[in-house]
Protein backbone atom coordinates (compact mmCIF):
# COMPACT_ATOMS: atom_id res chain seq x y z
CA UNK A 1 0.00 0.00 0.01
CA UNK A 2 2.84 2.33 0.91
CA UNK A 3 4.56 1.47 -2.38
CA UNK A 4 1.40 2.31 -4.37
CA UNK A 5 1.12 5.75 -2.69
CA UNK A 6 4.77 6.44 -3.50
CA UNK A 7 4.35 5.49 -7.17
CA UNK A 8 1.21 7.59 -7.46
CA UNK A 9 2.99 10.60 -5.97
CA UNK A 10 5.90 10.14 -8.39
CA UNK A 11 3.50 9.94 -11.33
CA UNK A 12 1.83 13.23 -10.31
CA UNK A 13 5.23 14.91 -9.96
CA UNK A 14 6.30 13.72 -13.43
CA UNK A 15 3.11 15.10 -14.94
CA UNK A 16 3.64 18.39 -13.16
CA UNK A 17 7.24 18.57 -14.36
CA UNK A 18 6.13 17.80 -17.95
CA UNK A 19 3.48 20.51 -17.80
CA UNK A 20 6.02 22.99 -16.49
CA UNK A 21 8.53 22.10 -19.20
CA UNK A 22 5.81 22.49 -21.84
CA UNK A 23 4.93 25.95 -20.55
CA UNK A 24 8.63 26.82 -20.38
CA UNK A 25 9.30 25.76 -23.96
CA UNK A 26 6.17 27.49 -25.18
CA UNK A 27 7.30 30.65 -23.46
CA UNK A 28 10.77 30.34 -24.98
CA UNK A 29 9.27 29.71 -28.41
CA UNK A 30 7.10 32.81 -28.15
CA UNK A 31 10.09 34.82 -27.00
CA UNK A 32 12.18 33.57 -29.89
CA UNK A 33 9.38 34.35 -32.33
CA UNK A 34 9.27 37.90 -30.99
CA UNK A 35 13.06 38.23 -31.23
CA UNK A 36 13.10 36.93 -34.82
CA UNK A 37 10.46 39.37 -36.02
CA UNK A 38 11.81 42.12 -38.31
CA UNK A 39 10.40 45.37 -36.92
CA UNK A 40 11.03 47.03 -40.30
CA UNK A 41 9.13 44.42 -42.36
CA UNK A 42 5.63 45.26 -43.60
CA UNK A 43 2.79 43.02 -42.46
CA UNK A 44 1.01 43.49 -45.80
CA UNK A 45 2.78 44.35 -49.07
CA UNK A 46 1.95 47.75 -50.54
CA UNK A 47 0.79 47.24 -54.14
CA UNK A 48 1.80 50.80 -55.10
CA UNK A 49 5.47 50.15 -54.33
CA UNK A 50 5.36 46.64 -55.76
CA UNK A 51 4.01 47.89 -59.10
CA UNK A 52 6.51 50.75 -59.35
CA UNK A 53 9.34 48.39 -58.48
CA UNK A 54 8.24 45.78 -61.05
CA UNK A 55 8.10 48.40 -63.81
CA UNK A 56 11.54 49.75 -62.95
CA UNK A 57 13.12 46.33 -62.52
CA UNK A 58 11.50 45.08 -65.73
CA UNK A 59 12.88 48.02 -67.68
CA UNK A 60 16.35 47.54 -66.20
CA UNK A 61 16.25 43.86 -67.05
CA UNK A 62 15.05 44.33 -70.62
CA UNK A 63 17.10 47.36 -71.55
CA UNK A 64 20.34 47.08 -69.70
CA UNK A 65 21.08 43.77 -68.08
CA UNK A 66 23.34 41.00 -69.22
CA UNK A 67 20.32 39.59 -71.05
CA UNK A 68 20.42 42.67 -73.26
CA UNK A 69 23.70 44.44 -73.88
CA UNK A 70 25.76 41.47 -72.67
CA UNK A 71 23.83 38.87 -74.63
CA UNK A 72 21.07 39.25 -77.18
CA UNK A 73 22.22 42.61 -78.51
CA UNK A 74 25.40 40.78 -79.52
CA UNK A 75 23.50 37.83 -81.00
CA UNK A 76 21.45 40.11 -83.30
CA UNK A 77 24.54 42.22 -84.08
CA UNK A 78 23.22 45.53 -82.90
CA UNK A 79 26.24 45.77 -80.62
CA UNK A 80 29.67 44.17 -80.70
CA UNK A 81 32.21 43.45 -77.99
CA UNK A 82 35.50 45.30 -78.27
CA UNK A 83 36.97 43.47 -75.27
CA UNK A 84 35.96 40.52 -73.06
CA UNK A 85 34.27 39.01 -76.12
CA UNK A 86 33.45 35.46 -75.01
CA UNK A 87 29.67 36.07 -75.27
CA UNK A 88 30.14 37.66 -78.69
CA UNK A 89 31.87 34.42 -79.73
CA UNK A 90 29.05 32.38 -78.14
CA UNK A 91 31.51 30.81 -75.69
CA UNK A 92 28.78 30.66 -73.04
CA UNK A 93 28.16 28.38 -70.04
CA UNK A 94 25.01 27.92 -67.98
CA UNK A 95 26.45 30.09 -65.21
CA UNK A 96 27.10 33.17 -67.35
CA UNK A 97 25.08 36.29 -66.70
CA UNK A 98 23.95 36.34 -70.32
CA UNK A 99 21.76 33.29 -69.58
CA UNK A 100 21.11 33.48 -65.81
CA UNK A 101 20.15 37.15 -65.34
CA UNK A 102 16.87 37.04 -67.27
CA UNK A 103 15.78 33.88 -65.45
CA UNK A 104 16.81 34.82 -61.93
CA UNK A 105 15.62 38.43 -61.97
CA UNK A 106 12.32 37.56 -63.63
CA UNK A 107 11.35 34.82 -61.20
CA UNK A 108 12.81 35.94 -57.87
CA UNK A 109 12.16 39.65 -58.28
CA UNK A 110 9.62 40.77 -60.85
CA UNK A 111 7.19 37.85 -61.05
CA UNK A 112 7.35 37.38 -57.27
CA UNK A 113 6.36 41.06 -56.75
CA UNK A 114 3.54 40.85 -59.30
CA UNK A 115 2.27 37.59 -57.78
CA UNK A 116 2.15 39.37 -54.43
CA UNK A 117 -0.13 42.02 -55.91
CA UNK A 118 -2.39 39.42 -57.46
CA UNK A 119 -2.65 37.57 -54.15
CA UNK A 120 -3.88 40.65 -52.22
CA UNK A 121 -7.52 41.15 -51.38
CA UNK A 122 -9.54 43.47 -53.61
CA UNK A 123 -9.61 46.17 -50.96
CA UNK A 124 -5.82 46.35 -50.81
CA UNK A 125 -5.22 45.99 -54.56
CA UNK A 126 -8.09 47.12 -56.73
CA UNK A 127 -9.13 45.66 -60.06
CA UNK A 128 -7.03 48.04 -62.15
CA UNK A 129 -3.95 47.37 -60.07
CA UNK A 130 -4.35 43.63 -60.55
CA UNK A 131 -5.06 44.07 -64.26
CA UNK A 132 -1.85 46.08 -64.71
CA UNK A 133 0.10 43.52 -62.67
CA UNK A 134 -1.26 40.62 -64.73
CA UNK A 135 -0.42 42.43 -67.97
CA UNK A 136 3.10 43.16 -66.82
CA UNK A 137 3.58 39.61 -65.61
CA UNK A 138 2.42 38.30 -69.00
CA UNK A 139 5.11 40.39 -70.68
CA UNK A 140 7.81 38.98 -68.37
CA UNK A 141 6.68 35.39 -68.91
CA UNK A 142 6.72 36.07 -72.65
CA UNK A 143 10.36 37.19 -72.49
CA UNK A 144 11.20 34.00 -70.60
CA UNK A 145 9.50 31.53 -72.94
CA UNK A 146 10.75 33.34 -76.07
CA UNK A 147 14.29 32.99 -74.71
CA UNK A 148 14.38 29.56 -73.06
CA UNK A 149 11.37 27.69 -74.49
CA UNK A 150 9.63 25.52 -71.87
CA UNK A 151 9.56 27.32 -68.53
CA UNK A 152 7.91 27.18 -65.11
CA UNK A 153 4.66 29.06 -65.68
CA UNK A 154 1.54 27.62 -64.01
CA UNK A 155 3.50 26.65 -60.86
CA UNK A 156 5.87 29.62 -60.84
CA UNK A 157 5.98 31.04 -57.33
CA UNK A 158 3.81 28.20 -56.00
CA UNK A 159 6.44 25.50 -55.62
CA UNK A 160 10.17 25.39 -54.96
CA UNK A 161 10.39 22.76 -57.71
CA UNK A 162 7.85 23.98 -60.28
CA UNK A 163 6.92 22.02 -63.35
CA UNK A 164 8.01 23.39 -66.70
CA UNK A 165 5.15 24.13 -69.09
CA UNK A 166 5.57 23.43 -72.82
CA UNK A 167 6.08 26.63 -74.78
CA UNK A 168 2.92 26.06 -76.78
CA UNK A 169 0.94 25.96 -73.54
CA UNK A 170 2.68 29.02 -72.12
CA UNK A 171 1.62 31.09 -75.13
CA UNK A 172 -1.96 29.84 -74.80
CA UNK A 173 -1.94 30.57 -71.07
CA UNK A 174 -0.67 34.11 -71.62
CA UNK A 175 -3.51 34.80 -74.05
CA UNK A 176 -5.95 33.73 -71.32
CA UNK A 177 -4.12 35.83 -68.70
CA UNK A 178 -4.37 38.88 -70.95
CA UNK A 179 -8.08 38.27 -71.48
CA UNK A 180 -8.44 38.26 -67.71
CA UNK A 181 -6.31 41.41 -67.46
CA UNK A 182 -8.61 43.16 -69.92
CA UNK A 183 -11.60 42.11 -67.82
CA UNK A 184 -9.95 43.65 -64.77
CA UNK A 185 -8.78 46.88 -66.45
CA UNK A 186 -11.74 49.25 -66.29
CA UNK A 187 -11.47 52.84 -67.54
CA UNK A 188 -14.27 53.79 -65.14
CA UNK A 189 -12.72 51.85 -62.27
CA UNK A 190 -10.66 52.88 -59.28
CA UNK A 191 -7.47 54.88 -59.62
CA UNK A 192 -4.26 53.02 -60.47
CA UNK A 193 -1.45 54.22 -58.22
CA UNK A 194 2.23 53.45 -58.51
CA UNK A 195 2.24 53.32 -62.32
CA UNK A 196 5.17 55.34 -63.63
CA UNK A 197 4.83 54.17 -67.25
CA UNK A 198 1.32 55.30 -68.17
CA UNK A 199 0.64 57.36 -65.02
CA UNK A 200 -2.51 55.40 -64.25
CA UNK A 201 -4.06 55.77 -67.73
CA UNK A 202 -6.14 52.60 -67.93
CA UNK A 203 -7.04 53.08 -71.60
CA UNK A 204 -3.33 52.88 -72.42
CA UNK A 205 -2.87 49.79 -70.22
CA UNK A 206 -5.66 48.12 -72.16
CA UNK A 207 -3.87 49.01 -75.38
CA UNK A 208 -0.66 47.47 -74.10
CA UNK A 209 -2.52 44.28 -73.18
CA UNK A 210 -4.23 44.01 -76.59
CA UNK A 211 -0.93 44.74 -78.35
CA UNK A 212 0.69 41.91 -76.37
CA UNK A 213 -2.06 39.59 -77.58
CA UNK A 214 -1.21 40.55 -81.15
CA UNK A 215 2.51 39.95 -80.54
CA UNK A 216 1.92 36.54 -78.98
CA UNK A 217 -0.45 35.43 -81.73
CA UNK A 218 2.22 36.14 -84.35
CA UNK A 219 4.77 34.19 -82.28
CA UNK A 220 2.58 31.13 -82.87
CA UNK A 221 1.51 31.87 -86.44
CA UNK A 222 3.88 29.46 -88.16
CA UNK A 223 2.78 26.65 -85.83
CA UNK A 224 -0.91 27.37 -85.31
CA UNK A 225 -2.05 29.65 -88.16
CA UNK A 226 -5.76 29.04 -87.68
CA UNK A 227 -5.60 29.78 -83.95
CA UNK A 228 -3.45 32.86 -84.55
CA UNK A 229 -5.96 34.08 -87.13
CA UNK A 230 -8.85 33.54 -84.73
CA UNK A 231 -7.17 35.54 -82.02
CA UNK A 232 -6.02 38.41 -84.22
CA UNK A 233 -9.28 38.72 -86.14
CA UNK A 234 -11.14 39.08 -82.83
CA UNK A 235 -8.97 41.95 -81.59
CA UNK A 236 -10.37 45.45 -81.38
CA UNK A 237 -7.77 47.24 -83.53
CA UNK A 238 -8.73 50.59 -82.04
CA UNK A 239 -7.42 49.25 -78.69
CA UNK A 240 -3.89 48.74 -79.97
CA UNK A 241 -1.07 51.15 -79.18
CA UNK A 242 -1.98 53.87 -81.66
CA UNK A 243 0.79 56.50 -81.60
CA UNK A 244 4.33 57.07 -80.44
CA UNK A 245 2.90 58.83 -77.41
CA UNK A 246 1.32 55.52 -76.37
CA UNK A 247 4.52 53.47 -76.66
CA UNK A 248 5.06 51.33 -73.55
CA UNK A 249 8.39 52.60 -72.22
CA UNK A 250 10.07 53.37 -68.95
CA UNK A 251 11.40 56.93 -69.00
CA UNK A 252 14.51 57.30 -66.85
CA UNK A 253 15.28 60.57 -65.10
CA UNK A 254 18.32 61.11 -62.90
CA UNK A 255 20.33 59.13 -60.36
CA UNK A 256 19.45 56.54 -59.08
CA UNK A 257 17.03 56.14 -61.97
CA UNK A 258 19.60 56.36 -64.75
CA UNK A 259 19.26 54.34 -67.91
CA UNK A 260 21.29 51.15 -67.16
CA UNK A 261 23.15 51.34 -70.46
CA UNK A 262 24.36 54.77 -69.41
CA UNK A 263 25.43 53.41 -66.04
CA UNK A 264 27.41 50.66 -67.79
CA UNK A 265 29.39 53.04 -69.98
CA UNK A 266 30.23 55.28 -67.04
CA UNK A 267 32.50 52.59 -65.63
CA UNK A 268 33.20 50.26 -68.59
CA UNK A 269 34.26 50.50 -72.20
CA UNK A 270 33.72 47.05 -73.68
CA UNK A 271 30.94 47.49 -76.29
CA UNK A 272 30.48 49.36 -79.58
CA UNK A 273 27.79 49.48 -82.25
CA UNK A 274 28.06 46.50 -84.56
CA UNK A 275 29.55 46.79 -88.05
CA UNK A 276 26.62 44.70 -89.34
CA UNK A 277 23.96 47.31 -88.57
CA UNK A 278 26.20 50.28 -89.41
CA UNK A 279 26.85 48.80 -92.86
CA UNK A 280 23.14 48.13 -93.36
CA UNK A 281 22.16 51.66 -92.39
CA UNK A 282 24.80 53.10 -94.71
CA UNK A 283 23.62 50.97 -97.62
CA UNK A 284 20.06 52.32 -97.15
CA UNK A 285 21.10 55.94 -96.55
CA UNK A 286 19.15 55.45 -93.35
CA UNK A 287 18.67 58.74 -91.46
CA UNK A 288 18.65 56.83 -88.17
CA UNK A 289 22.42 56.21 -88.37
CA UNK A 290 23.42 59.43 -86.55
CA UNK A 291 20.88 58.53 -83.84
CA UNK A 292 22.01 54.95 -83.47
CA UNK A 293 25.76 55.75 -83.46
CA UNK A 294 28.15 58.47 -82.43
CA UNK A 295 31.15 59.43 -84.52
CA UNK A 296 34.33 57.73 -83.27
CA UNK A 297 36.32 59.67 -80.68
CA UNK A 298 39.41 59.60 -82.91
CA UNK A 299 39.23 62.88 -84.84
CA UNK A 300 41.02 61.34 -87.77
CA UNK A 301 37.96 59.09 -88.31
CA UNK A 302 35.25 61.20 -89.89
CA UNK A 303 32.65 58.51 -90.57
CA UNK A 304 30.62 56.12 -88.48
CA UNK A 305 32.33 52.77 -87.98
CA UNK A 306 31.03 49.60 -86.42
CA UNK A 307 32.88 46.84 -84.61
CA UNK A 308 32.99 43.33 -86.03
CA UNK A 309 31.23 40.59 -84.07
CA UNK A 310 32.75 37.33 -83.02
CA UNK A 311 36.44 38.28 -82.92
CA UNK A 312 39.15 37.09 -80.60
CA UNK A 313 39.84 39.54 -77.80
CA UNK A 314 43.09 40.57 -79.43
CA UNK A 315 41.48 41.18 -82.82
CA UNK A 316 38.60 43.11 -81.23
CA UNK A 317 41.06 45.32 -79.31
CA UNK A 318 43.11 45.94 -82.42
CA UNK A 319 40.16 47.62 -84.15
CA UNK A 320 40.97 50.65 -81.98
CA UNK A 321 38.79 51.76 -79.10
CA UNK A 322 38.55 55.30 -80.41
CA UNK A 323 38.12 54.32 -84.04
CA UNK A 324 34.83 52.48 -83.51
CA UNK A 325 31.49 54.21 -82.84
CA UNK A 326 29.73 53.99 -79.51
CA UNK A 327 25.95 53.46 -79.57
CA UNK A 328 24.26 56.85 -79.94
CA UNK A 329 23.52 59.17 -77.04
CA UNK A 330 19.80 58.57 -77.57
CA UNK A 331 20.38 55.09 -76.14
CA UNK A 332 23.13 55.55 -73.55
CA UNK A 333 22.35 58.94 -72.01
CA UNK A 334 21.23 58.91 -68.36
CA UNK A 335 17.60 59.70 -69.23
CA UNK A 336 17.28 57.54 -72.36
CA UNK A 337 13.94 55.67 -72.33
CA UNK A 338 13.67 51.90 -72.16
CA UNK A 339 11.30 51.17 -75.04
CA UNK A 340 9.42 47.91 -74.44
CA UNK A 341 6.58 47.98 -77.02
CA UNK A 342 6.63 50.67 -79.69
CA UNK A 343 3.94 51.99 -82.00
CA UNK A 344 6.20 50.98 -84.93
CA UNK A 345 6.09 47.36 -83.78
CA UNK A 346 2.29 47.39 -83.70
CA UNK A 347 2.26 48.60 -87.32
CA UNK A 348 4.77 46.01 -88.45
CA UNK A 349 2.65 43.37 -86.72
CA UNK A 350 -0.50 44.63 -88.49
CA UNK A 351 1.36 44.51 -91.81
CA UNK A 352 2.19 40.86 -91.21
CA UNK A 353 -1.32 40.06 -90.05
CA UNK A 354 -2.79 41.50 -93.27
CA UNK A 355 -0.18 39.69 -95.37
CA UNK A 356 -1.09 36.39 -93.70
CA UNK A 357 -4.79 37.04 -94.31
CA UNK A 358 -5.68 37.32 -90.64
CA UNK A 359 -7.33 40.73 -90.97
CA UNK A 360 -8.85 42.51 -93.92
CA UNK A 361 -9.88 46.01 -94.82
CA UNK A 362 -8.82 48.97 -96.85
CA UNK A 363 -5.34 49.20 -95.31
CA UNK A 364 -2.90 46.93 -97.11
CA UNK A 365 0.16 45.15 -95.77
CA UNK A 366 2.29 47.64 -97.70
CA UNK A 367 0.43 50.57 -96.15
CA UNK A 368 1.04 49.31 -92.62
CA UNK A 369 4.66 48.58 -93.46
CA UNK A 370 5.28 52.13 -94.68
CA UNK A 371 3.44 53.52 -91.66
CA UNK A 372 5.63 51.36 -89.39
CA UNK A 373 8.86 52.73 -90.87
CA UNK A 374 7.49 56.27 -90.67
CA UNK A 375 6.58 55.75 -87.02
CA UNK A 376 10.07 54.38 -86.28
CA UNK A 377 11.70 57.40 -87.93
CA UNK A 378 9.47 59.71 -85.92
CA UNK A 379 10.28 57.82 -82.73
CA UNK A 380 13.88 58.94 -83.24
CA UNK A 381 13.01 62.50 -84.15
CA UNK A 382 13.06 62.18 -87.96
CA UNK A 383 9.86 63.75 -89.24
CA UNK A 384 10.87 65.84 -92.29
CA UNK A 385 8.44 64.64 -95.02
CA UNK A 386 11.08 64.94 -97.74
CA UNK A 387 13.53 62.72 -95.81
CA UNK A 388 10.81 60.18 -94.98
CA UNK A 389 9.57 60.01 -98.58
CA UNK A 390 13.09 59.68 -99.99
CA UNK A 391 13.83 56.82 -97.61
CA UNK A 392 10.61 54.94 -98.38
CA UNK A 393 11.10 55.35 -102.10
CA UNK A 394 14.32 53.38 -102.25
CA UNK A 395 13.98 50.01 -104.01
CA UNK A 396 15.76 48.28 -101.12
CA UNK A 397 13.21 49.68 -98.68
CA UNK A 398 10.02 49.22 -100.67
CA UNK A 399 7.69 46.42 -99.56
CA UNK A 400 8.09 43.10 -101.34
CA UNK A 401 4.95 41.00 -100.96
CA UNK A 402 6.69 38.01 -102.53
CA UNK A 403 9.25 37.99 -99.71
CA UNK A 404 7.46 39.88 -97.00
CA UNK A 405 9.44 38.23 -94.20
CA UNK A 406 12.57 39.86 -95.63
CA UNK A 407 10.96 43.29 -95.89
CA UNK A 408 9.38 43.21 -92.44
CA UNK A 409 12.25 41.30 -90.83
CA UNK A 410 14.97 43.68 -91.92
CA UNK A 411 13.07 46.84 -91.12
CA UNK A 412 11.87 45.48 -87.79
CA UNK A 413 15.47 44.59 -86.89
CA UNK A 414 16.47 48.19 -87.62
CA UNK A 415 13.52 49.66 -85.71
CA UNK A 416 14.22 47.36 -82.72
CA UNK A 417 17.77 48.69 -82.22
CA UNK A 418 18.55 48.39 -78.51
CA UNK A 419 15.67 46.00 -77.83
CA UNK A 420 17.85 42.92 -77.78
CA UNK A 421 15.44 40.32 -76.43
CA UNK A 422 12.60 41.02 -78.84
CA UNK A 423 14.91 41.63 -81.76
CA UNK A 424 16.43 38.20 -81.03
CA UNK A 425 12.97 36.60 -81.09
CA UNK A 426 11.83 38.35 -84.30
CA UNK A 427 15.09 37.47 -86.06
CA UNK A 428 14.53 33.78 -85.27
CA UNK A 429 10.86 33.92 -86.22
CA UNK A 430 11.17 35.83 -89.51
CA UNK A 431 14.70 34.60 -90.41
CA UNK A 432 15.78 38.07 -91.49
CA UNK A 433 18.14 39.77 -91.67
CA UNK A 434 20.48 36.99 -92.65
CA UNK A 435 23.29 37.26 -90.14
CA UNK A 436 26.66 35.52 -90.18
CA UNK A 437 28.59 34.34 -87.14
CA UNK A 438 31.95 36.00 -86.52
CA UNK A 439 35.24 34.34 -87.47
CA UNK A 440 36.18 33.30 -83.92
CA UNK A 441 32.72 32.09 -82.89
CA UNK A 442 32.57 28.61 -81.37
CA UNK A 443 29.29 27.13 -82.66
CA UNK A 444 30.56 25.94 -86.05
CA UNK A 445 29.19 28.96 -87.88
CA UNK A 446 25.82 28.98 -86.11
CA UNK A 447 24.32 31.81 -84.06
CA UNK A 448 22.49 31.00 -80.77
CA UNK A 449 18.74 30.44 -81.16
CA UNK A 450 17.89 30.17 -77.46
CA UNK A 451 19.37 30.73 -73.99
CA UNK A 452 20.68 27.92 -71.81
CA UNK A 453 18.78 27.04 -68.64
CA UNK A 454 20.72 28.37 -65.62
CA UNK A 455 22.99 25.76 -64.03
CA UNK A 456 21.18 26.12 -60.71
CA UNK A 457 18.15 24.42 -62.24
CA UNK A 458 20.17 21.20 -62.53
CA UNK A 459 20.66 21.07 -58.79
CA UNK A 460 17.48 22.74 -57.55
CA UNK A 461 14.86 21.48 -60.04
CA UNK A 462 16.60 18.67 -61.91
CA UNK A 463 13.61 16.38 -62.53
CA UNK A 464 11.43 19.07 -64.09
CA UNK A 465 14.27 20.58 -66.07
CA UNK A 466 15.14 17.15 -67.48
CA UNK A 467 11.50 16.63 -68.49
CA UNK A 468 11.59 19.94 -70.39
CA UNK A 469 14.85 19.04 -72.13
CA UNK A 470 13.45 15.63 -73.12
CA UNK A 471 10.41 17.38 -74.61
CA UNK A 472 11.99 20.24 -76.52
CA UNK A 473 15.52 19.05 -77.21
CA UNK A 474 19.02 19.29 -75.79
CA UNK A 475 19.84 22.25 -73.55
CA UNK A 476 22.07 23.84 -76.17
CA UNK A 477 22.30 27.33 -77.65
CA UNK A 478 21.56 25.78 -81.07
CA UNK A 479 18.36 23.94 -80.18
CA UNK A 480 15.39 25.61 -81.90
CA UNK A 481 12.34 26.44 -79.83
CA UNK A 482 8.78 25.39 -80.63
CA UNK A 483 7.83 28.65 -82.34
CA UNK A 484 10.99 28.69 -84.50
CA UNK A 485 9.93 26.43 -87.37
CA UNK A 486 12.24 27.54 -90.23
């Protein structure tokens, strides 16, 4: 009996000790939680700041990052490397900034911010804010799939190992996302704050969204012509970007909002305008040449001169740093705008749509083509009717309906100067201009037709990356993407 009382007492003591320890650990846990809280962190994200940041970061990525001046601007031979020319020779690995920057910045920074806006309740982020965010996110996803092919899309931001969607499905999904964005964007809706591109003008945001639908439909036109026709024929053409004043662009001001190409040339001196485009502009007596290029610094050189692409470092250096033209001040001044979707592009796209028979009316493919060139000239300050007419009248500029891809492809390439990512996509899609790899390039005379997946995907998301590679082809710079059929 005495033994039973002793055991019972011990059992009660153990329970009491356990309860005390539980309370103690709970108290410690709460204390640690309090200590680990960041007093400067916001409980709820502010959509105004998120939208402004996404616009700024998107412009920096598109216009000035390694994905642009250190990569695709070299591939399309708008720019050339005059030193450190490995990317210009296509000697690229999956850890180079020319292939990792677009991926990493898009997913971890821009898309994450835009997803945060879309996840907010309607009181915190109104319909127009979410419509703008969804439109901007669609543009970023488009850059990604145009560059890499299959990408994380439906599960992006929802899983640490997201599935890769087939490019065909990404394009279709983006069309649906833009339809939803247009449903959300209401000109009679609540004010859009934080927008530094269109200053809250919802009618212009709608035009950007519709213009993106046109762009995406043409991306798929060689693969799915009937579907592309259905989408384009259903568009309200009056809701496309309709003037240079409606161009979607980020206008830089002063430090710390300098144009990133300007910031690059302040501290570095490794790029020049490409000889390929300089020679083309000269052959056409193109009045944009003095805008696209500066005269060389060497006073003994009195004409514009481009740098050759794909040279060894020694050969590139030997061209003479001061004997080769820098890109023009229009592009590398501190306040130069980052053009993302121009009025000229809309007109080129309409020209193609008419030529393919997707839309009809009194305006011909040639009419839209001439209007597109005129809009591009005006974009760069060239509006003198005599100069415009003289340029359009040249046989080498006139529209050729029997080889419309050449006419549109070459002029679009000229108009897209500085827009490396989209110029790269249009060059692959239209197959013009016909570019040649430089003499020291390492791809057996080929030019890259996609970007490599970043090396981190092999370790962090290997299974899904391997499934994408098995579906679309080897993870090589020379593997054509789904949209690139010719």
